[in-house]
Amino acid sequence: MSVYGALSQWNPGLEDSTILRAAYTAMPGDPQTSIPWPVRLAENPASPIALPGAVDLFGHDCIHIVLGRGALPQDEAFIVGTTMGASGRLRGWQQSLFTAWARATYRGPFRWTAADRQIFELAVRFGRTSGMHPLHSVNWHAMLDVPLGEIRRSLGIQRRELLTAFAQERMLLPHTPASQRLPGGAAATTSASRARVPAPAV
């Protein structure tokens, strides 16, 4: 199986007792050189035009693990949206610029559909309103030997709020592979149904 194939199957879940180092080691490899230039230009902090929330590949992978998300495009949309939203610096024009850039330039396994862009918008709102620590500024190397549940608590990531966001996502896109493997159950879905879920883009 290729790296991309292995990554598409990978899903870290939300187990609290797992150590970050162990979860990171279990993640299929995806070298920096495999990341296309349009992605690096927008999302890498070394880029001269990096957008708010830009983080290096190691930090990006750790955010995937801490938020319990795999590596499908829908998962990526949630991770990038949450990280940008949690930065506290994302402006509306930057959000619009990024979605246009991703739509025009992301290709292959990095390509986002219109549905993925909906999840990005949902995740930006979640990152902005959750009160979590700016994820792009975390010293992830210092947390490698810390259990994931403790990391989430220290960063202000509330499990119930995260599961509610997942349930809202599942309501928007109930049949996608990424939605079907999201953590959470009936309680989270019931909570999400009481929250305002944005209408699908026309």
N, C-alpha and C. Protein backbone atom coordinates (compact mmCIF):
# COMPACT_ATOMS: atom_id res chain seq x y z
N MET A 1 0.85 -1.20 0.00
CA MET A 1 0.00 0.00 0.00
C MET A 1 0.88 1.25 0.00
N SER A 2 0.54 2.26 -0.80
CA SER A 2 1.29 3.51 -0.86
C SER A 2 1.13 4.30 0.44
N VAL A 3 2.00 5.32 0.59
CA VAL A 3 1.87 6.19 1.77
C VAL A 3 0.50 6.84 1.80
N TYR A 4 0.03 7.33 0.64
CA TYR A 4 -1.27 7.98 0.60
C TYR A 4 -2.38 6.99 0.93
N GLY A 5 -2.23 5.74 0.43
CA GLY A 5 -3.22 4.72 0.74
C GLY A 5 -3.26 4.42 2.22
N ALA A 6 -2.08 4.30 2.84
CA ALA A 6 -2.02 4.03 4.27
C ALA A 6 -2.58 5.20 5.06
N LEU A 7 -2.26 6.41 4.63
CA LEU A 7 -2.77 7.59 5.34
C LEU A 7 -4.29 7.69 5.25
N SER A 8 -4.85 7.28 4.11
CA SER A 8 -6.30 7.37 3.96
C SER A 8 -7.02 6.43 4.93
N GLN A 9 -6.34 5.37 5.35
CA GLN A 9 -6.94 4.42 6.29
C GLN A 9 -6.66 4.79 7.74
N TRP A 10 -5.67 5.64 7.96
CA TRP A 10 -5.23 5.96 9.32
C TRP A 10 -6.26 6.84 10.03
N ASN A 11 -6.54 6.53 11.29
CA ASN A 11 -7.48 7.32 12.08
C ASN A 11 -7.09 7.19 13.56
N PRO A 12 -6.63 8.27 14.20
CA PRO A 12 -6.09 8.16 15.56
C PRO A 12 -7.14 8.02 16.65
N GLY A 13 -8.40 8.41 16.41
CA GLY A 13 -9.41 8.33 17.45
C GLY A 13 -9.18 9.34 18.56
N LEU A 14 -9.92 9.19 19.65
CA LEU A 14 -9.84 10.15 20.77
C LEU A 14 -9.52 9.45 22.09
N GLU A 15 -8.65 8.46 22.05
CA GLU A 15 -8.25 7.76 23.27
C GLU A 15 -7.42 8.69 24.15
N ASP A 16 -7.83 8.87 25.41
CA ASP A 16 -7.16 9.81 26.30
C ASP A 16 -5.81 9.31 26.82
N SER A 17 -5.66 8.01 26.98
CA SER A 17 -4.46 7.48 27.65
C SER A 17 -3.26 7.30 26.73
N THR A 18 -3.47 7.37 25.42
CA THR A 18 -2.37 7.19 24.48
C THR A 18 -1.37 8.34 24.59
N ILE A 19 -0.09 8.01 24.57
CA ILE A 19 0.97 9.02 24.61
C ILE A 19 1.14 9.60 23.20
N LEU A 20 1.35 10.89 23.12
CA LEU A 20 1.49 11.54 21.81
C LEU A 20 2.58 10.89 20.98
N ARG A 21 3.72 10.57 21.59
CA ARG A 21 4.82 9.97 20.85
C ARG A 21 4.40 8.65 20.18
N ALA A 22 3.66 7.83 20.93
CA ALA A 22 3.22 6.55 20.40
C ALA A 22 2.25 6.75 19.24
N ALA A 23 1.34 7.71 19.37
CA ALA A 23 0.38 7.98 18.30
C ALA A 23 1.09 8.53 17.07
N TYR A 24 2.07 9.38 17.28
CA TYR A 24 2.82 9.95 16.16
C TYR A 24 3.63 8.88 15.44
N THR A 25 4.25 7.99 16.20
CA THR A 25 5.04 6.91 15.61
C THR A 25 4.18 5.99 14.77
N ALA A 26 2.92 5.81 15.17
CA ALA A 26 2.00 4.92 14.45
C ALA A 26 1.43 5.55 13.20
N MET A 27 1.64 6.83 13.01
CA MET A 27 1.10 7.52 11.83
C MET A 27 1.95 7.19 10.61
N PRO A 28 1.33 6.78 9.49
CA PRO A 28 2.11 6.50 8.28
C PRO A 28 2.91 7.71 7.84
N GLY A 29 4.11 7.48 7.31
CA GLY A 29 5.01 8.57 6.92
C GLY A 29 4.47 9.38 5.76
N ASP A 30 4.76 10.66 5.78
CA ASP A 30 4.39 11.57 4.69
C ASP A 30 5.44 12.67 4.65
N PRO A 31 6.57 12.44 3.96
CA PRO A 31 7.69 13.39 4.01
C PRO A 31 7.32 14.77 3.51
N GLN A 32 8.02 15.77 4.03
CA GLN A 32 7.77 17.16 3.65
C GLN A 32 7.85 17.35 2.14
N THR A 33 8.74 16.59 1.48
CA THR A 33 8.93 16.75 0.04
C THR A 33 7.70 16.31 -0.75
N SER A 34 6.78 15.56 -0.13
CA SER A 34 5.59 15.11 -0.84
C SER A 34 4.47 16.14 -0.79
N ILE A 35 4.65 17.22 -0.03
CA ILE A 35 3.62 18.24 0.09
C ILE A 35 3.74 19.20 -1.10
N PRO A 36 2.70 19.35 -1.92
CA PRO A 36 2.79 20.23 -3.11
C PRO A 36 3.03 21.69 -2.72
N TRP A 37 3.63 22.42 -3.64
CA TRP A 37 3.99 23.81 -3.34
C TRP A 37 2.79 24.69 -3.02
N PRO A 38 1.60 24.52 -3.65
CA PRO A 38 0.49 25.39 -3.25
C PRO A 38 0.10 25.21 -1.78
N VAL A 39 0.19 23.99 -1.28
CA VAL A 39 -0.12 23.73 0.12
C VAL A 39 0.92 24.37 1.02
N ARG A 40 2.20 24.19 0.67
CA ARG A 40 3.28 24.76 1.48
C ARG A 40 3.24 26.29 1.48
N LEU A 41 2.85 26.86 0.35
CA LEU A 41 2.82 28.32 0.26
C LEU A 41 1.79 28.92 1.21
N ALA A 42 0.64 28.26 1.36
CA ALA A 42 -0.43 28.80 2.20
C ALA A 42 -0.33 28.37 3.65
N GLU A 43 0.20 27.16 3.90
CA GLU A 43 0.07 26.56 5.23
C GLU A 43 1.39 26.40 6.00
N ASN A 44 2.52 26.62 5.33
CA ASN A 44 3.81 26.46 6.01
C ASN A 44 4.24 27.79 6.62
N PRO A 45 4.61 27.82 7.90
CA PRO A 45 4.99 29.10 8.52
C PRO A 45 6.24 29.73 7.91
N ALA A 46 7.04 28.94 7.17
CA ALA A 46 8.23 29.49 6.53
C ALA A 46 7.89 30.24 5.25
N SER A 47 6.66 30.11 4.77
CA SER A 47 6.25 30.79 3.54
C SER A 47 6.11 32.29 3.78
N PRO A 48 6.53 33.11 2.82
CA PRO A 48 6.40 34.57 2.99
C PRO A 48 4.95 35.05 3.01
N ILE A 49 4.02 34.21 2.54
CA ILE A 49 2.61 34.62 2.55
C ILE A 49 1.76 33.64 3.38
N ALA A 50 2.39 33.00 4.35
CA ALA A 50 1.66 32.05 5.18
C ALA A 50 0.48 32.73 5.87
N LEU A 51 -0.63 32.03 5.94
CA LEU A 51 -1.84 32.57 6.56
C LEU A 51 -1.85 32.28 8.06
N PRO A 52 -2.67 33.00 8.85
CA PRO A 52 -2.74 32.76 10.30
C PRO A 52 -3.01 31.30 10.61
N GLY A 53 -2.28 30.78 11.60
CA GLY A 53 -2.43 29.39 11.98
C GLY A 53 -1.48 28.46 11.25
N ALA A 54 -0.65 28.99 10.37
CA ALA A 54 0.31 28.16 9.65
C ALA A 54 1.22 27.45 10.65
N VAL A 55 1.50 26.18 10.39
CA VAL A 55 2.28 25.36 11.31
C VAL A 55 3.11 24.38 10.51
N ASP A 56 4.28 23.98 11.05
CA ASP A 56 5.12 23.04 10.31
C ASP A 56 4.47 21.65 10.28
N LEU A 57 5.05 20.75 9.48
CA LEU A 57 4.42 19.45 9.25
C LEU A 57 4.32 18.64 10.54
N PHE A 58 5.33 18.70 11.39
CA PHE A 58 5.28 17.96 12.64
C PHE A 58 4.13 18.47 13.52
N GLY A 59 4.02 19.77 13.65
CA GLY A 59 2.92 20.33 14.44
C GLY A 59 1.57 20.01 13.84
N HIS A 60 1.49 20.08 12.51
CA HIS A 60 0.24 19.76 11.81
C HIS A 60 -0.18 18.32 12.10
N ASP A 61 0.79 17.39 12.06
CA ASP A 61 0.48 15.99 12.34
C ASP A 61 0.03 15.80 13.79
N CYS A 62 0.66 16.51 14.71
CA CYS A 62 0.26 16.42 16.12
C CYS A 62 -1.16 16.94 16.33
N ILE A 63 -1.53 17.99 15.60
CA ILE A 63 -2.89 18.53 15.71
C ILE A 63 -3.90 17.50 15.20
N HIS A 64 -3.57 16.81 14.12
CA HIS A 64 -4.42 15.72 13.65
C HIS A 64 -4.68 14.73 14.78
N ILE A 65 -3.62 14.35 15.47
CA ILE A 65 -3.72 13.33 16.52
C ILE A 65 -4.53 13.84 17.70
N VAL A 66 -4.24 15.05 18.15
CA VAL A 66 -4.91 15.59 19.33
C VAL A 66 -6.40 15.82 19.06
N LEU A 67 -6.74 16.21 17.84
CA LEU A 67 -8.16 16.41 17.49
C LEU A 67 -8.83 15.12 17.01
N GLY A 68 -8.08 14.04 16.96
CA GLY A 68 -8.68 12.75 16.61
C GLY A 68 -9.12 12.64 15.17
N ARG A 69 -8.35 13.21 14.25
CA ARG A 69 -8.73 13.21 12.84
C ARG A 69 -7.72 12.46 11.99
N GLY A 70 -8.26 11.75 10.97
CA GLY A 70 -7.43 11.07 10.00
C GLY A 70 -6.84 12.03 8.99
N ALA A 71 -6.57 11.52 7.77
CA ALA A 71 -5.87 12.34 6.78
C ALA A 71 -6.59 12.42 5.45
N LEU A 72 -7.90 12.15 5.43
CA LEU A 72 -8.68 12.37 4.22
C LEU A 72 -8.87 13.88 4.00
N PRO A 73 -9.18 14.32 2.77
CA PRO A 73 -9.37 15.76 2.55
C PRO A 73 -10.37 16.41 3.51
N GLN A 74 -11.43 15.71 3.85
CA GLN A 74 -12.40 16.26 4.81
C GLN A 74 -11.76 16.46 6.18
N ASP A 75 -10.92 15.51 6.59
CA ASP A 75 -10.19 15.66 7.85
C ASP A 75 -9.24 16.85 7.79
N GLU A 76 -8.54 16.98 6.66
CA GLU A 76 -7.62 18.10 6.49
C GLU A 76 -8.36 19.43 6.58
N ALA A 77 -9.55 19.48 5.97
CA ALA A 77 -10.34 20.71 6.02
C ALA A 77 -10.68 21.07 7.46
N PHE A 78 -11.00 20.07 8.28
CA PHE A 78 -11.33 20.33 9.67
C PHE A 78 -10.09 20.79 10.44
N ILE A 79 -8.96 20.15 10.20
CA ILE A 79 -7.73 20.50 10.92
C ILE A 79 -7.27 21.91 10.56
N VAL A 80 -7.24 22.21 9.26
CA VAL A 80 -6.79 23.53 8.83
C VAL A 80 -7.75 24.62 9.32
N GLY A 81 -9.04 24.37 9.21
CA GLY A 81 -10.02 25.36 9.67
C GLY A 81 -9.93 25.61 11.16
N THR A 82 -9.82 24.54 11.95
CA THR A 82 -9.72 24.70 13.39
C THR A 82 -8.45 25.45 13.77
N THR A 83 -7.33 25.11 13.14
CA THR A 83 -6.06 25.76 13.46
C THR A 83 -6.09 27.23 13.09
N MET A 84 -6.65 27.56 11.93
CA MET A 84 -6.76 28.97 11.55
C MET A 84 -7.71 29.72 12.48
N GLY A 85 -8.85 29.11 12.77
CA GLY A 85 -9.81 29.77 13.65
C GLY A 85 -9.27 30.00 15.04
N ALA A 86 -8.53 29.01 15.57
CA ALA A 86 -7.98 29.12 16.92
C ALA A 86 -6.82 30.09 17.02
N SER A 87 -6.26 30.50 15.87
CA SER A 87 -5.12 31.42 15.90
C SER A 87 -5.50 32.78 16.48
N GLY A 88 -6.78 33.14 16.37
CA GLY A 88 -7.23 34.44 16.86
C GLY A 88 -6.87 35.59 15.94
N ARG A 89 -6.29 35.28 14.78
CA ARG A 89 -5.81 36.35 13.89
C ARG A 89 -6.40 36.25 12.48
N LEU A 90 -7.27 35.28 12.26
CA LEU A 90 -7.79 35.07 10.91
C LEU A 90 -8.87 36.10 10.58
N ARG A 91 -8.69 36.84 9.51
CA ARG A 91 -9.67 37.81 9.05
C ARG A 91 -10.52 37.20 7.94
N GLY A 92 -11.68 37.82 7.72
CA GLY A 92 -12.61 37.28 6.73
C GLY A 92 -12.01 37.20 5.35
N TRP A 93 -11.24 38.23 4.94
CA TRP A 93 -10.67 38.22 3.61
C TRP A 93 -9.63 37.12 3.46
N GLN A 94 -8.90 36.83 4.57
CA GLN A 94 -7.91 35.75 4.51
C GLN A 94 -8.59 34.38 4.38
N GLN A 95 -9.71 34.24 5.08
CA GLN A 95 -10.48 33.00 4.99
C GLN A 95 -10.99 32.80 3.56
N SER A 96 -11.51 33.86 2.96
CA SER A 96 -12.01 33.76 1.59
C SER A 96 -10.87 33.50 0.61
N LEU A 97 -9.72 34.17 0.84
CA LEU A 97 -8.57 33.97 -0.03
C LEU A 97 -8.10 32.52 0.02
N PHE A 98 -8.06 31.95 1.23
CA PHE A 98 -7.59 30.57 1.35
C PHE A 98 -8.52 29.59 0.64
N THR A 99 -9.82 29.74 0.83
CA THR A 99 -10.75 28.81 0.18
C THR A 99 -10.64 28.91 -1.35
N ALA A 100 -10.45 30.13 -1.86
CA ALA A 100 -10.28 30.30 -3.30
C ALA A 100 -8.98 29.67 -3.77
N TRP A 101 -7.92 29.86 -3.00
CA TRP A 101 -6.61 29.28 -3.34
C TRP A 101 -6.67 27.75 -3.33
N ALA A 102 -7.27 27.18 -2.30
CA ALA A 102 -7.38 25.72 -2.22
C ALA A 102 -8.21 25.17 -3.37
N ARG A 103 -9.29 25.86 -3.71
CA ARG A 103 -10.15 25.40 -4.80
C ARG A 103 -9.41 25.44 -6.13
N ALA A 104 -8.57 26.45 -6.33
CA ALA A 104 -7.92 26.64 -7.62
C ALA A 104 -6.64 25.83 -7.78
N THR A 105 -5.95 25.53 -6.67
CA THR A 105 -4.59 24.98 -6.81
C THR A 105 -4.36 23.62 -6.17
N TYR A 106 -5.17 23.22 -5.17
CA TYR A 106 -4.93 21.93 -4.51
C TYR A 106 -5.38 20.81 -5.44
N ARG A 107 -4.52 19.82 -5.63
CA ARG A 107 -4.79 18.74 -6.57
C ARG A 107 -4.52 17.38 -5.93
N GLY A 108 -4.94 16.33 -6.63
CA GLY A 108 -4.68 14.96 -6.18
C GLY A 108 -5.30 14.70 -4.81
N PRO A 109 -4.56 14.02 -3.91
CA PRO A 109 -5.12 13.69 -2.60
C PRO A 109 -5.33 14.92 -1.71
N PHE A 110 -4.82 16.08 -2.15
CA PHE A 110 -4.97 17.31 -1.37
C PHE A 110 -6.18 18.13 -1.83
N ARG A 111 -6.81 17.71 -2.90
CA ARG A 111 -7.91 18.49 -3.48
C ARG A 111 -9.12 18.50 -2.55
N TRP A 112 -9.75 19.68 -2.40
CA TRP A 112 -10.96 19.83 -1.59
C TRP A 112 -12.17 19.97 -2.50
N THR A 113 -13.23 19.28 -2.14
CA THR A 113 -14.51 19.44 -2.81
C THR A 113 -15.27 20.61 -2.18
N ALA A 114 -16.42 20.95 -2.76
CA ALA A 114 -17.28 21.97 -2.16
C ALA A 114 -17.71 21.54 -0.76
N ALA A 115 -17.94 20.24 -0.58
CA ALA A 115 -18.32 19.73 0.74
C ALA A 115 -17.18 19.90 1.74
N ASP A 116 -15.94 19.65 1.31
CA ASP A 116 -14.79 19.84 2.20
C ASP A 116 -14.68 21.30 2.62
N ARG A 117 -14.99 22.21 1.71
CA ARG A 117 -14.93 23.63 2.06
C ARG A 117 -15.99 23.99 3.09
N GLN A 118 -17.14 23.31 3.05
CA GLN A 118 -18.15 23.52 4.10
C GLN A 118 -17.58 23.13 5.47
N ILE A 119 -16.85 22.03 5.50
CA ILE A 119 -16.27 21.57 6.77
C ILE A 119 -15.19 22.53 7.24
N PHE A 120 -14.43 23.08 6.32
CA PHE A 120 -13.45 24.11 6.67
C PHE A 120 -14.14 25.28 7.36
N GLU A 121 -15.24 25.76 6.80
CA GLU A 121 -15.96 26.89 7.38
C GLU A 121 -16.49 26.53 8.77
N LEU A 122 -17.03 25.33 8.92
CA LEU A 122 -17.53 24.88 10.22
C LEU A 122 -16.38 24.85 11.24
N ALA A 123 -15.23 24.35 10.80
CA ALA A 123 -14.08 24.21 11.70
C ALA A 123 -13.51 25.56 12.10
N VAL A 124 -13.51 26.52 11.18
CA VAL A 124 -13.05 27.87 11.53
C VAL A 124 -13.91 28.42 12.67
N ARG A 125 -15.23 28.26 12.56
CA ARG A 125 -16.12 28.74 13.62
C ARG A 125 -15.84 28.02 14.94
N PHE A 126 -15.62 26.71 14.84
CA PHE A 126 -15.31 25.94 16.05
C PHE A 126 -14.02 26.44 16.69
N GLY A 127 -12.97 26.63 15.91
CA GLY A 127 -11.71 27.11 16.45
C GLY A 127 -11.82 28.49 17.07
N ARG A 128 -12.63 29.36 16.45
CA ARG A 128 -12.79 30.72 16.96
C ARG A 128 -13.54 30.76 18.28
N THR A 129 -14.56 29.92 18.42
CA THR A 129 -15.48 30.04 19.56
C THR A 129 -15.19 29.08 20.70
N SER A 130 -14.29 28.13 20.49
CA SER A 130 -14.07 27.08 21.50
C SER A 130 -13.24 27.55 22.69
N GLY A 131 -12.47 28.61 22.51
CA GLY A 131 -11.60 29.07 23.59
C GLY A 131 -10.32 28.27 23.73
N MET A 132 -10.01 27.42 22.77
CA MET A 132 -8.78 26.62 22.85
C MET A 132 -7.55 27.48 22.62
N HIS A 133 -6.43 27.00 23.10
CA HIS A 133 -5.13 27.66 22.91
C HIS A 133 -4.81 27.68 21.42
N PRO A 134 -4.15 28.74 20.92
CA PRO A 134 -3.73 28.74 19.50
C PRO A 134 -2.84 27.53 19.21
N LEU A 135 -3.33 26.63 18.40
CA LEU A 135 -2.66 25.35 18.21
C LEU A 135 -1.35 25.49 17.44
N HIS A 136 -1.25 26.50 16.60
CA HIS A 136 -0.03 26.65 15.80
C HIS A 136 1.16 27.08 16.64
N SER A 137 0.92 27.61 17.84
CA SER A 137 2.02 28.11 18.67
C SER A 137 2.42 27.14 19.77
N VAL A 138 1.84 25.95 19.80
CA VAL A 138 2.15 24.96 20.83
C VAL A 138 3.54 24.36 20.58
N ASN A 139 4.30 24.13 21.65
CA ASN A 139 5.58 23.41 21.56
C ASN A 139 5.27 21.91 21.60
N TRP A 140 5.00 21.34 20.45
CA TRP A 140 4.57 19.94 20.39
C TRP A 140 5.68 18.98 20.79
N HIS A 141 6.92 19.34 20.55
CA HIS A 141 8.02 18.46 20.96
C HIS A 141 8.04 18.27 22.48
N ALA A 142 7.68 19.31 23.20
CA ALA A 142 7.68 19.23 24.66
C ALA A 142 6.55 18.36 25.19
N MET A 143 5.58 18.03 24.34
CA MET A 143 4.42 17.25 24.77
C MET A 143 4.46 15.80 24.28
N LEU A 144 5.55 15.39 23.68
CA LEU A 144 5.60 14.06 23.08
C LEU A 144 5.34 12.92 24.07
N ASP A 145 5.71 13.11 25.33
CA ASP A 145 5.55 12.04 26.31
C ASP A 145 4.38 12.28 27.26
N VAL A 146 3.41 13.07 26.80
CA VAL A 146 2.23 13.40 27.59
C VAL A 146 1.01 12.67 27.01
N PRO A 147 0.13 12.13 27.86
CA PRO A 147 -1.09 11.48 27.34
C PRO A 147 -1.97 12.48 26.59
N LEU A 148 -2.66 12.00 25.57
CA LEU A 148 -3.46 12.89 24.72
C LEU A 148 -4.58 13.58 25.49
N GLY A 149 -5.19 12.88 26.43
CA GLY A 149 -6.25 13.50 27.22
C GLY A 149 -5.74 14.69 28.01
N GLU A 150 -4.54 14.54 28.57
CA GLU A 150 -3.94 15.64 29.33
C GLU A 150 -3.58 16.80 28.42
N ILE A 151 -3.09 16.49 27.22
CA ILE A 151 -2.78 17.56 26.26
C ILE A 151 -4.03 18.33 25.89
N ARG A 152 -5.11 17.62 25.59
CA ARG A 152 -6.36 18.30 25.23
C ARG A 152 -6.82 19.22 26.37
N ARG A 153 -6.77 18.72 27.58
CA ARG A 153 -7.20 19.56 28.72
C ARG A 153 -6.32 20.79 28.86
N SER A 154 -5.02 20.62 28.71
CA SER A 154 -4.09 21.75 28.89
C SER A 154 -4.27 22.80 27.81
N LEU A 155 -4.76 22.39 26.65
CA LEU A 155 -4.96 23.33 25.54
C LEU A 155 -6.38 23.88 25.47
N GLY A 156 -7.23 23.49 26.43
CA GLY A 156 -8.59 23.99 26.46
C GLY A 156 -9.49 23.36 25.41
N ILE A 157 -9.13 22.16 24.96
CA ILE A 157 -9.97 21.45 23.99
C ILE A 157 -10.97 20.59 24.76
N GLN A 158 -12.20 21.03 24.79
CA GLN A 158 -13.24 20.33 25.53
C GLN A 158 -13.78 19.17 24.70
N ARG A 159 -13.74 17.97 25.26
CA ARG A 159 -14.16 16.79 24.51
C ARG A 159 -15.62 16.92 24.04
N ARG A 160 -16.49 17.43 24.91
CA ARG A 160 -17.89 17.54 24.53
C ARG A 160 -18.08 18.50 23.36
N GLU A 161 -17.38 19.64 23.38
CA GLU A 161 -17.49 20.59 22.28
C GLU A 161 -16.93 20.01 20.98
N LEU A 162 -15.84 19.25 21.09
CA LEU A 162 -15.25 18.63 19.91
C LEU A 162 -16.22 17.61 19.32
N LEU A 163 -16.83 16.79 20.18
CA LEU A 163 -17.78 15.80 19.68
C LEU A 163 -19.02 16.45 19.07
N THR A 164 -19.41 17.59 19.64
CA THR A 164 -20.55 18.32 19.06
C THR A 164 -20.21 18.83 17.67
N ALA A 165 -18.98 19.34 17.49
CA ALA A 165 -18.55 19.78 16.17
C ALA A 165 -18.53 18.61 15.19
N PHE A 166 -18.06 17.46 15.65
CA PHE A 166 -18.06 16.27 14.78
C PHE A 166 -19.49 15.88 14.40
N ALA A 167 -20.41 15.98 15.36
CA ALA A 167 -21.80 15.62 15.08
C ALA A 167 -22.42 16.58 14.07
N GLN A 168 -22.10 17.87 14.18
CA GLN A 168 -22.58 18.84 13.19
C GLN A 168 -22.04 18.49 11.81
N GLU A 169 -20.78 18.09 11.78
CA GLU A 169 -20.16 17.69 10.52
C GLU A 169 -20.85 16.46 9.94
N ARG A 170 -21.16 15.51 10.80
CA ARG A 170 -21.83 14.29 10.36
C ARG A 170 -23.23 14.58 9.82
N MET A 171 -23.90 15.58 10.41
CA MET A 171 -25.22 15.97 9.92
C MET A 171 -25.13 16.61 8.53
N LEU A 172 -24.05 17.37 8.28
CA LEU A 172 -23.86 17.99 6.98
C LEU A 172 -23.49 16.96 5.92
N LEU A 173 -22.61 16.03 6.28
CA LEU A 173 -22.08 15.05 5.32
C LEU A 173 -22.17 13.65 5.94
N PRO A 174 -23.36 13.10 6.00
CA PRO A 174 -23.54 11.84 6.75
C PRO A 174 -22.93 10.61 6.11
N HIS A 175 -22.67 10.63 4.80
CA HIS A 175 -22.30 9.39 4.12
C HIS A 175 -20.84 9.31 3.68
N THR A 176 -20.04 10.31 4.01
CA THR A 176 -18.64 10.27 3.58
C THR A 176 -17.84 9.35 4.50
N PRO A 177 -16.74 8.76 3.98
CA PRO A 177 -15.90 7.90 4.83
C PRO A 177 -15.38 8.63 6.06
N ALA A 178 -14.99 9.89 5.92
CA ALA A 178 -14.47 10.64 7.07
C ALA A 178 -15.54 10.83 8.13
N SER A 179 -16.77 11.16 7.73
CA SER A 179 -17.85 11.36 8.69
C SER A 179 -18.22 10.06 9.39
N GLN A 180 -18.22 8.97 8.66
CA GLN A 180 -18.67 7.70 9.23
C GLN A 180 -17.71 7.14 10.27
N ARG A 181 -16.47 7.59 10.26
CA ARG A 181 -15.52 7.10 11.26
C ARG A 181 -15.25 8.12 12.37
N LEU A 182 -16.00 9.22 12.38
CA LEU A 182 -15.81 10.23 13.43
C LEU A 182 -16.19 9.66 14.80
N PRO A 183 -15.42 9.99 15.84
CA PRO A 183 -15.82 9.60 17.20
C PRO A 183 -17.12 10.27 17.59
N GLY A 184 -17.82 9.68 18.53
CA GLY A 184 -19.07 10.27 19.03
C GLY A 184 -20.25 9.39 18.71
N GLY A 185 -21.34 9.62 19.42
CA GLY A 185 -22.53 8.81 19.23
C GLY A 185 -23.79 9.61 19.28
N ALA A 186 -24.85 8.99 19.77
CA ALA A 186 -26.18 9.61 19.76
C ALA A 186 -26.22 10.87 20.59
N ALA A 187 -25.51 10.88 21.74
CA ALA A 187 -25.55 12.05 22.62
C ALA A 187 -25.00 13.27 21.92
N ALA A 188 -23.86 13.08 21.22
CA ALA A 188 -23.25 14.21 20.51
C ALA A 188 -24.14 14.68 19.38
N THR A 189 -24.75 13.73 18.67
CA THR A 189 -25.63 14.11 17.56
C THR A 189 -26.85 14.87 18.06
N THR A 190 -27.42 14.43 19.19
CA THR A 190 -28.56 15.13 19.76
C THR A 190 -28.19 16.55 20.16
N SER A 191 -27.00 16.70 20.77
CA SER A 191 -26.53 18.03 21.16
C SER A 191 -26.33 18.91 19.93
N ALA A 192 -25.76 18.32 18.88
CA ALA A 192 -25.52 19.09 17.67
C ALA A 192 -26.82 19.53 17.01
N SER A 193 -27.85 18.70 17.11
CA SER A 193 -29.12 19.04 16.46
C SER A 193 -29.76 20.26 17.09
N ARG A 194 -29.36 20.56 18.33
CA ARG A 194 -29.89 21.76 19.00
C ARG A 194 -29.11 23.01 18.60
N ALA A 195 -27.89 22.77 18.09
CA ALA A 195 -27.06 23.90 17.67
C ALA A 195 -27.42 24.29 16.25
N ARG A 196 -27.03 25.48 15.88
CA ARG A 196 -27.33 25.96 14.53
C ARG A 196 -26.30 25.41 13.57
N VAL A 197 -26.74 24.63 12.61
CA VAL A 197 -25.86 24.07 11.60
C VAL A 197 -26.04 24.87 10.32
N PRO A 198 -24.94 25.36 9.72
CA PRO A 198 -25.06 26.18 8.51
C PRO A 198 -25.67 25.40 7.36
N ALA A 199 -26.46 26.07 6.56
CA ALA A 199 -27.05 25.43 5.39
C ALA A 199 -25.98 25.13 4.36
N PRO A 200 -26.14 24.05 3.59
CA PRO A 200 -25.17 23.74 2.55
C PRO A 200 -25.03 24.88 1.55
N ALA A 201 -23.82 25.05 1.05
CA ALA A 201 -23.58 26.09 0.06
C ALA A 201 -24.33 25.78 -1.23
N VAL A 202 -24.83 26.81 -1.84
CA VAL A 202 -25.59 26.63 -3.08
C VAL A 202 -24.63 26.67 -4.28
